[in-house]
Amino acid sequence: MTKNNNQKMSYEEAGKKGGEKVSEKYSQEHFEEIGKKGGEKVSDKYSQEHFEEIGKKGGRNSGSNNNS
């Protein structure tokens, strides 16, 4: 979206611009580490049964939107 000085940036444009800046600032290893930490926190919070249930739901839902 092209804009002049009177128009505001859309949320989508702002998010993309911010994401690009963050990506330039941090390394791949940084994102891997924070992803690992986040995954560990989620794993600690929920039981094995929770993940099994959402896995089953995901499998059912993914087939229903098959565009092929």
N, C-alpha and C. Protein backbone atom coordinates (compact mmCIF):
# COMPACT_ATOMS: atom_id res chain seq x y z
N MET A 1 0.85 -1.17 0.00
CA MET A 1 0.00 0.00 0.00
C MET A 1 0.89 1.23 0.00
N THR A 2 0.70 2.08 -0.99
CA THR A 2 1.46 3.33 -1.06
C THR A 2 0.73 4.37 -0.23
N LYS A 3 1.50 5.18 0.46
CA LYS A 3 0.87 6.19 1.31
C LYS A 3 1.65 7.50 1.20
N ASN A 4 0.94 8.60 1.41
CA ASN A 4 1.64 9.87 1.48
C ASN A 4 1.77 10.26 2.94
N ASN A 5 2.26 11.42 3.25
CA ASN A 5 2.51 11.82 4.63
C ASN A 5 1.23 11.96 5.46
N ASN A 6 0.07 12.06 4.82
CA ASN A 6 -1.20 12.23 5.54
C ASN A 6 -1.81 10.89 5.95
N GLN A 7 -1.40 9.81 5.30
CA GLN A 7 -2.00 8.51 5.57
C GLN A 7 -1.20 7.74 6.61
N LYS A 8 -1.94 7.01 7.41
CA LYS A 8 -1.31 6.18 8.44
C LYS A 8 -0.95 4.82 7.85
N MET A 9 0.05 4.19 8.44
CA MET A 9 0.46 2.86 8.05
C MET A 9 -0.57 1.86 8.58
N SER A 10 -0.88 0.84 7.80
CA SER A 10 -1.81 -0.20 8.26
C SER A 10 -1.12 -1.07 9.31
N TYR A 11 -1.92 -1.79 10.07
CA TYR A 11 -1.37 -2.71 11.06
C TYR A 11 -0.51 -3.76 10.37
N GLU A 12 -0.97 -4.21 9.22
CA GLU A 12 -0.22 -5.22 8.48
C GLU A 12 1.16 -4.68 8.07
N GLU A 13 1.19 -3.48 7.54
CA GLU A 13 2.46 -2.88 7.13
C GLU A 13 3.38 -2.65 8.33
N ALA A 14 2.82 -2.17 9.43
CA ALA A 14 3.61 -1.92 10.63
C ALA A 14 4.19 -3.23 11.17
N GLY A 15 3.39 -4.28 11.18
CA GLY A 15 3.87 -5.58 11.65
C GLY A 15 4.97 -6.13 10.78
N LYS A 16 4.80 -6.00 9.48
CA LYS A 16 5.83 -6.49 8.55
C LYS A 16 7.12 -5.71 8.74
N LYS A 17 7.01 -4.40 8.83
CA LYS A 17 8.19 -3.56 9.01
C LYS A 17 8.91 -3.88 10.32
N GLY A 18 8.14 -4.04 11.39
CA GLY A 18 8.72 -4.39 12.69
C GLY A 18 9.37 -5.76 12.67
N GLY A 19 8.72 -6.71 12.04
CA GLY A 19 9.27 -8.06 11.94
C GLY A 19 10.57 -8.09 11.16
N GLU A 20 10.65 -7.30 10.11
CA GLU A 20 11.88 -7.22 9.33
C GLU A 20 13.02 -6.63 10.16
N LYS A 21 12.73 -5.61 10.95
CA LYS A 21 13.75 -5.00 11.81
C LYS A 21 14.26 -5.99 12.85
N VAL A 22 13.33 -6.70 13.48
CA VAL A 22 13.71 -7.69 14.50
C VAL A 22 14.55 -8.79 13.86
N SER A 23 14.15 -9.23 12.68
CA SER A 23 14.88 -10.28 11.98
C SER A 23 16.31 -9.84 11.65
N GLU A 24 16.49 -8.57 11.32
CA GLU A 24 17.83 -8.04 11.04
C GLU A 24 18.67 -7.95 12.32
N LYS A 25 18.01 -7.68 13.43
CA LYS A 25 18.72 -7.44 14.69
C LYS A 25 19.23 -8.72 15.35
N TYR A 26 18.47 -9.81 15.26
CA TYR A 26 18.80 -11.04 15.97
C TYR A 26 19.17 -12.17 15.02
N SER A 27 19.97 -13.10 15.50
CA SER A 27 20.42 -14.24 14.70
C SER A 27 19.40 -15.38 14.72
N GLN A 28 19.60 -16.32 13.82
CA GLN A 28 18.77 -17.52 13.77
C GLN A 28 18.85 -18.27 15.10
N GLU A 29 20.04 -18.32 15.68
CA GLU A 29 20.23 -19.02 16.95
C GLU A 29 19.39 -18.39 18.06
N HIS A 30 19.26 -17.07 18.04
CA HIS A 30 18.44 -16.37 19.03
C HIS A 30 16.99 -16.85 18.96
N PHE A 31 16.46 -16.89 17.74
CA PHE A 31 15.06 -17.30 17.58
C PHE A 31 14.87 -18.78 17.94
N GLU A 32 15.86 -19.61 17.63
CA GLU A 32 15.78 -21.01 18.01
C GLU A 32 15.75 -21.16 19.53
N GLU A 33 16.58 -20.38 20.22
CA GLU A 33 16.66 -20.46 21.68
C GLU A 33 15.35 -20.00 22.34
N ILE A 34 14.79 -18.88 21.88
CA ILE A 34 13.55 -18.41 22.50
C ILE A 34 12.39 -19.34 22.16
N GLY A 35 12.44 -19.95 20.98
CA GLY A 35 11.41 -20.94 20.62
C GLY A 35 11.48 -22.16 21.51
N LYS A 36 12.70 -22.60 21.78
CA LYS A 36 12.91 -23.76 22.67
C LYS A 36 12.41 -23.45 24.08
N LYS A 37 12.75 -22.26 24.59
CA LYS A 37 12.31 -21.87 25.93
C LYS A 37 10.79 -21.80 26.00
N GLY A 38 10.17 -21.22 24.98
CA GLY A 38 8.71 -21.14 24.95
C GLY A 38 8.07 -22.50 24.90
N GLY A 39 8.64 -23.39 24.09
CA GLY A 39 8.12 -24.75 23.99
C GLY A 39 8.21 -25.50 25.31
N GLU A 40 9.31 -25.29 26.03
CA GLU A 40 9.47 -25.93 27.32
C GLU A 40 8.44 -25.42 28.33
N LYS A 41 8.17 -24.12 28.31
CA LYS A 41 7.17 -23.55 29.23
C LYS A 41 5.79 -24.13 28.95
N VAL A 42 5.43 -24.22 27.67
CA VAL A 42 4.12 -24.77 27.30
C VAL A 42 4.04 -26.24 27.70
N SER A 43 5.12 -26.96 27.46
CA SER A 43 5.16 -28.38 27.81
C SER A 43 4.99 -28.59 29.32
N ASP A 44 5.59 -27.70 30.10
CA ASP A 44 5.45 -27.79 31.57
C ASP A 44 4.03 -27.48 32.02
N LYS A 45 3.35 -26.62 31.28
CA LYS A 45 2.02 -26.16 31.69
C LYS A 45 0.92 -27.18 31.38
N TYR A 46 1.04 -27.90 30.28
CA TYR A 46 -0.03 -28.80 29.83
C TYR A 46 0.40 -30.26 29.88
N SER A 47 -0.58 -31.13 30.04
CA SER A 47 -0.32 -32.57 30.13
C SER A 47 -0.17 -33.20 28.75
N GLN A 48 0.34 -34.42 28.74
CA GLN A 48 0.46 -35.21 27.51
C GLN A 48 -0.91 -35.37 26.85
N GLU A 49 -1.94 -35.58 27.67
CA GLU A 49 -3.30 -35.77 27.13
C GLU A 49 -3.76 -34.53 26.38
N HIS A 50 -3.41 -33.36 26.87
CA HIS A 50 -3.78 -32.10 26.19
C HIS A 50 -3.20 -32.08 24.78
N PHE A 51 -1.93 -32.41 24.65
CA PHE A 51 -1.28 -32.38 23.34
C PHE A 51 -1.83 -33.46 22.42
N GLU A 52 -2.18 -34.62 22.98
CA GLU A 52 -2.78 -35.67 22.17
C GLU A 52 -4.13 -35.22 21.63
N GLU A 53 -4.91 -34.56 22.48
CA GLU A 53 -6.24 -34.09 22.05
C GLU A 53 -6.13 -33.02 20.97
N ILE A 54 -5.27 -32.04 21.14
CA ILE A 54 -5.16 -31.00 20.11
C ILE A 54 -4.54 -31.58 18.83
N GLY A 55 -3.70 -32.59 18.97
CA GLY A 55 -3.16 -33.26 17.79
C GLY A 55 -4.24 -33.96 16.99
N LYS A 56 -5.17 -34.60 17.68
CA LYS A 56 -6.30 -35.26 17.01
C LYS A 56 -7.18 -34.23 16.31
N LYS A 57 -7.46 -33.13 16.98
CA LYS A 57 -8.29 -32.08 16.39
C LYS A 57 -7.61 -31.49 15.17
N GLY A 58 -6.32 -31.27 15.26
CA GLY A 58 -5.58 -30.72 14.13
C GLY A 58 -5.61 -31.64 12.93
N GLY A 59 -5.48 -32.92 13.17
CA GLY A 59 -5.53 -33.89 12.08
C GLY A 59 -6.88 -33.93 11.41
N ARG A 60 -7.94 -33.82 12.18
CA ARG A 60 -9.29 -33.81 11.61
C ARG A 60 -9.52 -32.54 10.81
N ASN A 61 -9.10 -31.41 11.34
CA ASN A 61 -9.36 -30.12 10.70
C ASN A 61 -8.55 -29.93 9.43
N SER A 62 -7.34 -30.43 9.41
CA SER A 62 -6.48 -30.17 8.24
C SER A 62 -7.02 -30.85 6.99
N GLY A 63 -7.66 -31.97 7.13
CA GLY A 63 -8.21 -32.66 5.98
C GLY A 63 -9.46 -32.02 5.43
N SER A 64 -10.19 -31.29 6.27
CA SER A 64 -11.45 -30.70 5.82
C SER A 64 -11.25 -29.49 4.92
N ASN A 65 -10.07 -28.88 4.96
CA ASN A 65 -9.80 -27.71 4.13
C ASN A 65 -8.86 -28.02 2.99
N ASN A 66 -8.86 -29.25 2.56
CA ASN A 66 -7.95 -29.67 1.49
C ASN A 66 -8.46 -29.11 0.16
N ASN A 67 -7.66 -28.26 -0.48
CA ASN A 67 -8.07 -27.60 -1.70
C ASN A 67 -7.65 -28.36 -2.95
N SER A 68 -7.12 -29.55 -2.83
CA SER A 68 -6.66 -30.29 -4.00
C SER A 68 -7.76 -31.13 -4.60
